[in-house]
Amino acid sequence: MQYQFSCVPATYDAVERTLSPARLGRYLVAANGDKHLAFRLYVWNGHICQALYFPLQTVEVAIRNAVVIPVQKRFGTEWFSNPKFENLLPQRMKEELAETVARERRRRRHITTANHLVASLTFGFWQHLMTTAYDKQLWANGIRFSFPHAPSNVDRAGIHLMLDEIRILRNDVMHHYAIFDQRPQARYQTALTLAGYICPETHWLISHLSQVSQVINERPVI
């Protein structure tokens, strides 16, 4: 990708001071010391993150809604206030759940619903519910209700590993980290695969609208 700008040395130095040499250093190494190419890599990384936003947003929402299915089946529609569910959680997750419920009730008062809680709890909360600690309580019947289109050789543990990869990618994107050299195409494919395990039509929608592959293939050159 050729960008319609070129920094003079003074501009690059000023931008480097603003963003910090440590942040641009990763790109400078990848550019073999070429400052102009390093900044283009920095911009390109931002474009990759931008392209990933919609796919990650859609997959995350789909995953939350998938993981909550066995929770609702076991603990009812008011699972978030069911002591039996709360007692399954480690202390940090109990605290997260309590704080989230309290925050949503302050915000929404009497119209607070389970859907609000599903959306407000962290991705890590839902990922944790797919660890081995919940095999008996949530996944005794397998994953077919939550991931109906997963191949027969994919189990709860396999899904959990995929969720961890997506969680890390999501956090890297949201915290503006360098991802251009961290297998972004493969990690995007993991997100797409999980979407397909839940709903093939959602997989199609993400694939149809996504520009991730196009942007990744537009690595800047001098």
Protein backbone atom coordinates (compact mmCIF):
# COMPACT_ATOMS: atom_id res chain seq x y z
CA MET A 1 0.00 0.00 0.00
CA GLN A 2 1.43 3.34 -0.99
CA TYR A 3 0.34 6.19 1.28
CA GLN A 4 -0.03 9.72 -0.01
CA PHE A 5 2.38 11.24 2.47
CA SER A 6 6.04 11.20 3.37
CA CYS A 7 7.41 12.45 6.65
CA VAL A 8 10.37 14.79 6.68
CA PRO A 9 12.86 13.90 9.43
CA ALA A 10 11.61 16.64 11.77
CA THR A 11 8.02 15.40 11.44
CA TYR A 12 8.99 11.80 12.07
CA ASP A 13 11.03 12.80 15.13
CA ALA A 14 8.10 14.78 16.52
CA VAL A 15 5.66 11.94 15.93
CA GLU A 16 8.11 9.49 17.50
CA ARG A 17 8.34 11.65 20.63
CA THR A 18 4.54 11.91 20.78
CA LEU A 19 3.86 8.19 20.35
CA SER A 20 7.08 7.18 22.20
CA PRO A 21 10.19 5.56 20.72
CA ALA A 22 9.24 2.29 22.45
CA ARG A 23 5.95 2.08 20.54
CA LEU A 24 7.51 2.79 17.16
CA GLY A 25 10.57 0.68 17.91
CA ARG A 26 8.79 -2.55 17.02
CA TYR A 27 8.05 -1.17 13.56
CA LEU A 28 11.52 0.27 13.14
CA VAL A 29 13.03 -3.20 13.67
CA ALA A 30 10.62 -4.69 11.11
CA ALA A 31 11.60 -1.91 8.69
CA ASN A 32 15.35 -2.57 9.14
CA GLY A 33 15.85 0.92 10.50
CA ASP A 34 13.99 2.76 7.73
CA LYS A 35 11.95 5.38 9.58
CA HIS A 36 9.61 6.11 6.68
CA LEU A 37 8.77 2.43 6.26
CA ALA A 38 8.42 2.03 10.03
CA PHE A 39 5.74 4.70 10.17
CA ARG A 40 3.96 3.18 7.18
CA LEU A 41 3.96 -0.15 9.02
CA TYR A 42 2.50 1.61 12.04
CA VAL A 43 -0.32 3.05 9.92
CA TRP A 44 -0.86 -0.32 8.23
CA ASN A 45 -1.13 -2.00 11.63
CA GLY A 46 -3.86 0.49 12.51
CA HIS A 47 -5.72 -0.38 9.32
CA ILE A 48 -5.52 -4.10 10.13
CA CYS A 49 -6.96 -3.42 13.59
CA GLN A 50 -9.71 -1.31 12.04
CA ALA A 51 -10.57 -4.10 9.60
CA LEU A 52 -10.70 -6.62 12.44
CA TYR A 53 -13.09 -4.60 14.58
CA PHE A 54 -16.35 -5.70 12.97
CA PRO A 55 -15.43 -9.40 12.73
CA LEU A 56 -14.26 -9.50 16.35
CA GLN A 57 -17.30 -7.58 17.56
CA THR A 58 -19.66 -9.95 15.79
CA VAL A 59 -17.87 -13.11 16.91
CA GLU A 60 -17.66 -11.93 20.51
CA VAL A 61 -21.39 -11.26 20.68
CA ALA A 62 -22.10 -14.64 19.10
CA ILE A 63 -19.84 -16.40 21.61
CA ARG A 64 -21.42 -14.71 24.63
CA ASN A 65 -24.86 -15.76 23.42
CA ALA A 66 -23.64 -19.30 22.76
CA VAL A 67 -21.97 -19.82 26.12
CA VAL A 68 -24.93 -18.49 28.10
CA ILE A 69 -27.21 -21.21 26.64
CA PRO A 70 -26.17 -23.99 29.06
CA VAL A 71 -26.07 -21.47 31.90
CA GLN A 72 -29.73 -20.63 31.28
CA LYS A 73 -30.66 -24.29 30.88
CA ARG A 74 -29.07 -25.19 34.21
CA PHE A 75 -29.75 -22.08 36.30
CA GLY A 76 -32.76 -20.42 34.67
CA THR A 77 -33.36 -17.04 33.09
CA GLU A 78 -32.33 -15.30 36.30
CA TRP A 79 -29.02 -17.17 36.40
CA PHE A 80 -27.14 -14.03 37.38
CA SER A 81 -28.91 -13.95 40.76
CA ASN A 82 -29.04 -17.70 41.33
CA PRO A 83 -26.82 -18.63 44.32
CA LYS A 84 -26.12 -22.06 42.81
CA PHE A 85 -24.54 -20.40 39.79
CA GLU A 86 -22.64 -17.88 41.89
CA ASN A 87 -21.20 -20.67 44.04
CA LEU A 88 -19.58 -22.24 40.97
CA LEU A 89 -17.52 -19.15 40.32
CA PRO A 90 -14.09 -18.26 41.69
CA GLN A 91 -14.00 -15.18 43.90
CA ARG A 92 -12.84 -12.78 41.20
CA MET A 93 -15.71 -13.82 38.93
CA LYS A 94 -18.22 -13.58 41.76
CA GLU A 95 -17.04 -10.04 42.30
CA GLU A 96 -17.23 -9.25 38.59
CA LEU A 97 -20.75 -10.62 38.39
CA ALA A 98 -21.91 -8.72 41.49
CA GLU A 99 -20.35 -5.46 40.30
CA THR A 100 -21.82 -5.85 36.82
CA VAL A 101 -25.32 -6.60 38.16
CA ALA A 102 -25.13 -3.61 40.51
CA ARG A 103 -23.88 -1.30 37.76
CA GLU A 104 -26.54 -2.37 35.28
CA ARG A 105 -29.31 -2.00 37.87
CA ARG A 106 -28.13 1.50 38.74
CA ARG A 107 -28.07 2.33 35.06
CA ARG A 108 -31.29 0.63 33.92
CA ARG A 109 -33.20 0.18 37.19
CA HIS A 110 -36.22 -2.09 36.85
CA ILE A 111 -35.72 -2.79 33.13
CA THR A 112 -32.43 -4.65 33.67
CA THR A 113 -32.53 -8.00 31.87
CA ALA A 114 -30.28 -11.03 31.46
CA ASN A 115 -29.38 -9.71 28.01
CA HIS A 116 -27.88 -6.60 29.59
CA LEU A 117 -25.74 -8.77 31.83
CA VAL A 118 -24.60 -11.00 28.98
CA ALA A 119 -23.41 -7.93 27.09
CA SER A 120 -21.79 -6.25 30.09
CA LEU A 121 -19.73 -9.12 31.49
CA THR A 122 -16.23 -9.39 30.10
CA PHE A 123 -15.21 -11.73 27.32
CA GLY A 124 -12.91 -13.38 29.85
CA PHE A 125 -15.91 -14.21 32.03
CA TRP A 126 -17.55 -16.19 29.22
CA GLN A 127 -14.30 -17.80 28.19
CA HIS A 128 -13.73 -19.01 31.75
CA LEU A 129 -17.08 -20.81 31.69
CA MET A 130 -15.60 -23.07 29.02
CA THR A 131 -12.74 -24.33 31.20
CA THR A 132 -12.61 -27.85 32.57
CA ALA A 133 -14.00 -26.64 35.90
CA TYR A 134 -17.48 -26.51 34.31
CA ASP A 135 -17.45 -29.83 32.46
CA LYS A 136 -20.06 -31.39 34.71
CA GLN A 137 -22.20 -28.35 35.45
CA LEU A 138 -22.44 -26.84 31.95
CA TRP A 139 -20.94 -29.15 29.34
CA ALA A 140 -21.94 -32.65 30.44
CA ASN A 141 -24.00 -32.99 27.26
CA GLY A 142 -21.26 -31.63 25.04
CA ILE A 143 -21.15 -28.41 23.08
CA ARG A 144 -23.79 -29.10 20.43
CA PHE A 145 -26.39 -26.70 21.85
CA SER A 146 -23.94 -23.80 21.86
CA PHE A 147 -21.83 -24.74 18.83
CA PRO A 148 -24.21 -26.84 16.72
CA HIS A 149 -22.08 -26.76 13.57
CA ALA A 150 -18.76 -27.72 15.13
CA PRO A 151 -17.19 -30.92 13.71
CA SER A 152 -17.59 -34.04 15.83
CA ASN A 153 -13.89 -34.04 16.71
CA VAL A 154 -14.08 -30.56 18.29
CA ASP A 155 -14.81 -30.55 22.00
CA ARG A 156 -15.13 -28.07 24.83
CA ALA A 157 -11.36 -27.96 25.37
CA GLY A 158 -10.76 -27.20 21.70
CA ILE A 159 -13.28 -24.37 21.74
CA HIS A 160 -11.66 -22.96 24.87
CA LEU A 161 -8.27 -22.80 23.16
CA MET A 162 -9.80 -20.99 20.21
CA LEU A 163 -11.52 -18.54 22.55
CA ASP A 164 -8.20 -17.79 24.20
CA GLU A 165 -6.67 -16.93 20.84
CA ILE A 166 -9.58 -14.62 20.05
CA ARG A 167 -9.44 -13.01 23.50
CA ILE A 168 -5.75 -12.19 23.07
CA LEU A 169 -6.34 -10.80 19.57
CA ARG A 170 -9.31 -8.76 20.79
CA ASN A 171 -7.27 -7.26 23.64
CA ASP A 172 -4.33 -6.52 21.35
CA VAL A 173 -6.61 -4.70 18.91
CA MET A 174 -8.42 -2.73 21.61
CA HIS A 175 -5.15 -1.70 23.29
CA HIS A 176 -3.57 -0.63 19.99
CA TYR A 177 -0.76 -3.19 20.12
CA ALA A 178 1.30 -4.23 17.13
CA ILE A 179 -0.38 -7.25 15.53
CA PHE A 180 0.97 -7.03 11.97
CA ASP A 181 3.67 -9.61 12.75
CA GLN A 182 1.51 -11.80 15.02
CA ARG A 183 -0.25 -13.99 12.44
CA PRO A 184 -3.28 -11.70 12.01
CA GLN A 185 -4.62 -13.70 9.06
CA ALA A 186 -4.51 -17.00 10.96
CA ARG A 187 -6.06 -15.45 14.06
CA TYR A 188 -8.81 -13.92 11.96
CA GLN A 189 -9.48 -17.35 10.49
CA THR A 190 -9.86 -18.74 14.01
CA ALA A 191 -12.54 -16.13 14.69
CA LEU A 192 -14.28 -16.99 11.42
CA THR A 193 -14.16 -20.69 12.22
CA LEU A 194 -15.78 -20.16 15.60
CA ALA A 195 -18.50 -18.06 14.01
CA GLY A 196 -19.17 -20.93 11.63
CA TYR A 197 -19.42 -23.40 14.52
CA ILE A 198 -22.25 -21.25 15.89
CA CYS A 199 -23.99 -20.11 12.70
CA PRO A 200 -22.89 -20.60 9.07
CA GLU A 201 -24.90 -17.55 7.99
CA THR A 202 -23.04 -15.37 10.48
CA HIS A 203 -19.78 -16.80 9.13
CA TRP A 204 -20.90 -15.83 5.64
CA LEU A 205 -21.84 -12.30 6.73
CA ILE A 206 -18.46 -11.66 8.35
CA SER A 207 -16.60 -13.10 5.36
CA HIS A 208 -18.71 -11.09 2.92
CA LEU A 209 -18.21 -7.76 4.67
CA SER A 210 -14.69 -8.19 5.98
CA GLN A 211 -11.69 -6.47 4.40
CA VAL A 212 -9.15 -8.12 6.70
CA SER A 213 -7.44 -10.25 4.05
CA GLN A 214 -7.30 -7.35 1.60
CA VAL A 215 -5.70 -5.02 4.14
CA ILE A 216 -3.21 -7.65 5.32
CA ASN A 217 -2.10 -8.16 1.71
CA GLU A 218 -1.41 -4.44 1.36
CA ARG A 219 1.78 -4.42 3.42
CA PRO A 220 3.60 -1.18 2.66
CA VAL A 221 6.84 -1.17 0.74
CA ILE A 222 9.32 1.59 0.08
